N, C-alpha and C. Protein backbone atom coordinates (compact mmCIF):
# COMPACT_ATOMS: atom_id res chain seq x y z
N MET A 1 93.16 88.90 82.25
CA MET A 1 94.38 88.83 81.74
C MET A 1 95.01 87.53 80.98
N LEU A 2 94.48 86.36 81.49
CA LEU A 2 94.80 85.06 80.76
C LEU A 2 94.28 85.01 79.28
N GLY A 3 93.25 85.73 79.02
CA GLY A 3 92.80 85.77 77.68
C GLY A 3 93.62 86.38 76.77
N LYS A 4 94.66 87.13 77.13
CA LYS A 4 95.52 87.74 76.24
C LYS A 4 96.72 86.85 75.73
N CYS A 5 96.69 85.75 76.67
CA CYS A 5 97.83 84.83 76.23
C CYS A 5 97.22 83.93 75.05
N THR A 6 98.08 83.42 74.41
CA THR A 6 97.85 82.63 73.12
C THR A 6 97.62 81.03 73.74
N GLY A 7 98.54 80.66 74.58
CA GLY A 7 98.44 79.35 75.18
C GLY A 7 98.46 79.38 76.50
N GLY A 8 97.62 80.07 77.03
CA GLY A 8 97.64 80.42 78.64
C GLY A 8 97.20 79.17 79.39
N VAL A 9 97.45 77.97 79.16
CA VAL A 9 96.98 76.81 79.91
C VAL A 9 98.15 75.85 80.16
N GLY A 10 98.13 75.14 81.12
CA GLY A 10 98.88 74.18 81.40
C GLY A 10 100.27 74.46 81.58
N ALA A 11 101.40 73.74 81.01
CA ALA A 11 102.54 73.93 81.03
C ALA A 11 103.22 75.33 80.60
N SER A 12 102.52 75.82 79.56
CA SER A 12 102.96 77.07 79.06
C SER A 12 102.71 78.33 80.07
N LEU A 13 101.60 78.11 80.79
CA LEU A 13 101.28 79.17 81.81
C LEU A 13 102.27 79.03 82.85
N VAL A 14 102.63 77.79 83.26
CA VAL A 14 103.59 77.79 84.50
C VAL A 14 104.93 78.42 83.81
N VAL A 15 105.47 78.23 82.55
CA VAL A 15 106.70 78.86 82.06
C VAL A 15 106.58 80.45 81.92
N ASP A 16 105.36 80.89 81.60
CA ASP A 16 105.04 82.32 81.75
C ASP A 16 105.24 82.88 83.05
N ILE A 17 104.57 82.17 84.04
CA ILE A 17 104.58 82.73 85.36
C ILE A 17 106.10 82.72 86.00
N ALA A 18 106.75 81.63 85.62
CA ALA A 18 108.22 81.51 85.88
C ALA A 18 109.09 82.62 85.42
N TYR A 19 108.71 83.09 84.14
CA TYR A 19 109.43 84.12 83.49
C TYR A 19 109.18 85.42 84.27
N LEU A 20 107.82 85.60 84.58
CA LEU A 20 107.47 86.92 85.16
C LEU A 20 108.17 86.76 86.58
N LYS A 21 108.29 85.75 87.33
CA LYS A 21 108.92 85.83 88.65
C LYS A 21 110.48 86.00 88.51
N GLU A 22 111.13 85.45 87.49
CA GLU A 22 112.50 85.64 87.20
C GLU A 22 112.79 87.23 86.88
N ALA A 23 111.83 87.83 86.07
CA ALA A 23 112.00 89.25 85.76
C ALA A 23 111.78 90.11 87.05
N ILE A 24 110.79 89.79 87.97
CA ILE A 24 110.50 90.52 89.03
C ILE A 24 111.87 90.51 89.92
N ARG A 25 112.44 89.21 90.00
CA ARG A 25 113.68 89.09 90.87
C ARG A 25 114.93 89.73 90.35
N THR A 26 115.03 89.87 89.17
CA THR A 26 116.49 90.27 88.52
C THR A 26 116.38 91.40 87.75
N TRP A 27 115.32 91.90 87.33
CA TRP A 27 115.19 93.34 86.44
C TRP A 27 115.01 94.44 87.72
N LYS A 28 115.40 95.64 87.12
CA LYS A 28 115.07 96.69 88.08
C LYS A 28 114.16 97.59 87.50
N GLY A 29 113.38 98.08 88.25
CA GLY A 29 112.22 99.02 87.90
C GLY A 29 111.20 98.66 86.83
N ILE A 30 110.58 97.44 87.28
CA ILE A 30 109.55 96.90 86.37
C ILE A 30 108.30 97.81 86.61
N LYS A 31 107.76 98.44 85.73
CA LYS A 31 106.71 99.32 85.76
C LYS A 31 105.24 98.70 85.78
N SER A 32 105.23 97.68 84.89
CA SER A 32 103.95 96.73 84.58
C SER A 32 104.36 95.39 84.73
N PRO A 33 104.25 94.69 85.80
CA PRO A 33 104.37 93.20 85.64
C PRO A 33 103.46 92.54 84.48
N GLU A 34 102.06 93.13 84.60
CA GLU A 34 101.25 92.75 83.62
C GLU A 34 101.67 92.64 82.27
N ALA A 35 102.53 93.74 81.75
CA ALA A 35 103.02 93.87 80.40
C ALA A 35 104.20 92.66 80.28
N VAL A 36 104.90 92.49 81.32
CA VAL A 36 105.85 91.41 81.15
C VAL A 36 105.25 90.03 80.97
N PHE A 37 104.38 89.88 81.71
CA PHE A 37 103.61 88.71 81.61
C PHE A 37 102.86 88.38 80.36
N VAL A 38 102.25 89.46 79.77
CA VAL A 38 101.59 89.30 78.57
C VAL A 38 102.75 88.88 77.43
N ALA A 39 103.74 89.77 77.49
CA ALA A 39 104.99 89.40 76.52
C ALA A 39 105.30 88.20 76.63
N ALA A 40 105.46 87.68 77.78
CA ALA A 40 105.93 86.23 77.94
C ALA A 40 105.09 85.45 77.21
N CYS A 41 103.66 85.56 77.44
CA CYS A 41 102.70 84.82 76.78
C CYS A 41 102.77 84.78 75.27
N LYS A 42 102.62 85.98 74.75
CA LYS A 42 102.62 86.07 73.36
C LYS A 42 103.78 85.82 72.63
N GLU A 43 105.01 86.17 73.12
CA GLU A 43 106.35 85.84 72.42
C GLU A 43 106.91 84.49 72.87
N GLY A 44 106.38 83.61 73.89
CA GLY A 44 106.86 82.49 74.07
C GLY A 44 108.27 82.50 75.06
N ARG A 45 108.45 83.66 75.68
CA ARG A 45 109.75 83.93 76.45
C ARG A 45 110.10 82.87 77.53
N LYS A 46 111.15 82.39 77.80
CA LYS A 46 111.28 81.45 78.84
C LYS A 46 112.33 82.14 79.88
N PRO A 47 112.33 81.41 81.15
CA PRO A 47 113.34 81.90 82.08
C PRO A 47 114.76 81.57 81.55
N GLU A 48 115.87 82.31 81.89
CA GLU A 48 117.14 81.92 81.45
C GLU A 48 117.42 80.62 81.86
N ALA A 49 117.25 80.01 82.93
CA ALA A 49 117.59 78.70 83.41
C ALA A 49 116.88 77.70 82.54
N GLN A 50 115.64 77.84 82.10
CA GLN A 50 114.96 77.00 81.28
C GLN A 50 115.63 77.09 79.83
N GLN A 51 116.07 78.26 79.37
CA GLN A 51 116.55 78.32 78.08
C GLN A 51 117.80 77.51 77.93
N SER A 52 118.82 77.54 78.87
CA SER A 52 119.80 76.98 79.00
C SER A 52 119.57 75.47 79.04
N LYS A 53 118.74 75.15 79.86
CA LYS A 53 118.32 73.69 79.90
C LYS A 53 117.86 73.06 78.43
N SER A 54 116.98 73.87 77.84
CA SER A 54 116.66 73.43 76.45
C SER A 54 117.77 73.46 75.68
N ASP A 55 118.74 74.33 75.79
CA ASP A 55 119.97 74.28 74.81
C ASP A 55 120.88 72.99 75.05
N ALA A 56 120.77 72.64 76.31
CA ALA A 56 121.40 71.43 76.74
C ALA A 56 120.79 70.23 76.07
N ILE A 57 119.52 70.18 76.28
CA ILE A 57 118.72 68.93 75.91
C ILE A 57 118.87 68.96 74.28
N ALA A 58 118.79 69.95 73.72
CA ALA A 58 118.91 70.03 71.98
C ALA A 58 120.30 69.60 71.66
N TRP A 59 121.37 70.14 72.44
CA TRP A 59 122.76 69.62 72.31
C TRP A 59 122.85 67.92 72.40
N PHE A 60 122.27 67.58 73.46
CA PHE A 60 122.41 66.09 73.86
C PHE A 60 121.75 65.33 72.79
N GLU A 61 120.34 65.82 72.29
CA GLU A 61 119.77 65.11 71.11
C GLU A 61 120.58 65.02 69.79
N TRP A 62 121.36 66.17 69.55
CA TRP A 62 122.11 66.19 68.28
C TRP A 62 123.27 65.29 68.75
N ALA A 63 123.96 65.39 69.64
CA ALA A 63 125.19 64.54 69.93
C ALA A 63 124.78 63.01 70.00
N ARG A 64 123.72 62.73 70.71
CA ARG A 64 123.35 61.43 70.61
C ARG A 64 123.14 60.71 69.25
N LYS A 65 122.44 61.72 68.31
CA LYS A 65 122.14 61.23 67.03
C LYS A 65 123.39 60.94 66.23
N ASN A 66 124.47 61.87 66.45
CA ASN A 66 125.74 61.84 65.88
C ASN A 66 126.64 60.72 66.50
N ARG A 67 126.13 60.16 67.59
CA ARG A 67 127.01 59.06 68.22
C ARG A 67 128.25 59.63 69.07
N ILE A 68 128.16 60.85 69.34
CA ILE A 68 129.14 61.48 70.19
C ILE A 68 129.00 61.15 71.49
N VAL A 69 127.81 61.06 72.06
CA VAL A 69 127.56 60.62 73.40
C VAL A 69 126.42 59.55 73.40
N ILE A 70 126.11 58.70 74.45
CA ILE A 70 125.19 57.79 74.64
C ILE A 70 123.95 57.97 75.51
N ALA A 71 124.52 58.62 76.50
CA ALA A 71 123.63 58.96 77.61
C ALA A 71 123.87 60.13 78.45
N MET A 72 123.03 60.65 79.25
CA MET A 72 123.24 61.90 80.06
C MET A 72 122.43 61.71 81.41
N SER A 73 123.08 62.14 82.40
CA SER A 73 122.52 62.07 83.84
C SER A 73 122.97 63.40 84.45
N GLY A 74 121.92 64.26 84.69
CA GLY A 74 122.03 65.51 85.29
C GLY A 74 123.11 66.36 84.39
N GLU A 75 124.27 66.85 84.77
CA GLU A 75 125.23 67.60 84.13
C GLU A 75 126.20 66.76 83.66
N VAL A 76 126.11 65.48 83.42
CA VAL A 76 127.32 64.66 83.06
C VAL A 76 126.70 63.94 81.70
N VAL A 77 127.60 63.74 80.75
CA VAL A 77 127.17 62.83 79.58
C VAL A 77 128.23 61.76 79.48
N TYR A 78 127.94 60.73 78.92
CA TYR A 78 128.67 59.60 78.75
C TYR A 78 129.10 59.11 77.23
N THR A 79 130.36 59.07 77.09
CA THR A 79 130.75 58.91 75.63
C THR A 79 130.45 57.31 75.30
N PRO A 80 130.57 57.06 73.95
CA PRO A 80 130.55 55.59 73.74
C PRO A 80 131.64 54.61 74.36
N ASP A 81 132.78 55.33 74.78
CA ASP A 81 133.62 54.63 75.46
C ASP A 81 133.29 54.26 76.85
N GLY A 82 132.34 54.84 77.45
CA GLY A 82 131.91 54.81 78.79
C GLY A 82 132.42 56.00 79.56
N GLU A 83 133.25 56.86 79.08
CA GLU A 83 133.82 58.00 79.81
C GLU A 83 132.69 58.99 80.26
N ALA A 84 132.68 59.42 81.65
CA ALA A 84 131.85 60.42 82.05
C ALA A 84 132.52 61.83 81.88
N VAL A 85 131.73 62.84 81.16
CA VAL A 85 132.26 64.14 81.05
C VAL A 85 131.36 65.06 81.22
N ALA A 86 131.82 66.18 81.92
CA ALA A 86 130.77 67.38 82.12
C ALA A 86 130.27 67.75 80.80
N LEU A 87 128.70 68.01 80.87
CA LEU A 87 128.14 68.31 79.80
C LEU A 87 128.69 69.66 79.22
N THR A 88 128.94 70.67 80.04
CA THR A 88 129.56 71.91 79.51
C THR A 88 130.78 71.50 78.68
N GLU A 89 131.63 70.95 79.18
CA GLU A 89 132.78 70.52 78.47
C GLU A 89 132.59 69.97 77.10
N MET A 90 131.76 68.87 77.11
CA MET A 90 131.45 68.27 75.65
C MET A 90 130.81 69.25 74.74
N MET A 91 129.86 70.09 75.40
CA MET A 91 129.25 71.10 74.48
C MET A 91 130.39 72.02 73.83
N ARG A 92 131.41 72.48 74.74
CA ARG A 92 132.51 73.25 74.28
C ARG A 92 133.27 72.61 73.15
N ARG A 93 133.66 71.17 73.53
CA ARG A 93 134.31 70.39 72.41
C ARG A 93 133.68 70.16 71.02
N PHE A 94 132.35 69.97 71.12
CA PHE A 94 131.60 69.74 70.00
C PHE A 94 130.37 70.57 69.88
N PRO A 95 130.74 71.87 69.27
CA PRO A 95 129.50 72.81 69.33
C PRO A 95 128.69 72.42 68.04
N VAL A 96 127.49 72.61 68.17
CA VAL A 96 126.53 72.42 67.05
C VAL A 96 126.72 73.16 65.85
């Protein structure tokens, strides 16, 4: 089955397995876990938690480049004035 995956080694394999685990946990009536896994491999699907994390990292990199924030720790970002603000609040205030 791993031969069907385009990048089925290392970190990408871990992401594919995490996607399958999330699908099994949250979807109803999966008839073919193998098909879900192969689709994750071929299409580069990520678990929802990882997708939102990737979105937050992309937003932070954009915001730092535009000098909106200077640092991030967990779910908190820091403005150039040193103010600590929730990441979700800043993403709402400054959409990409």
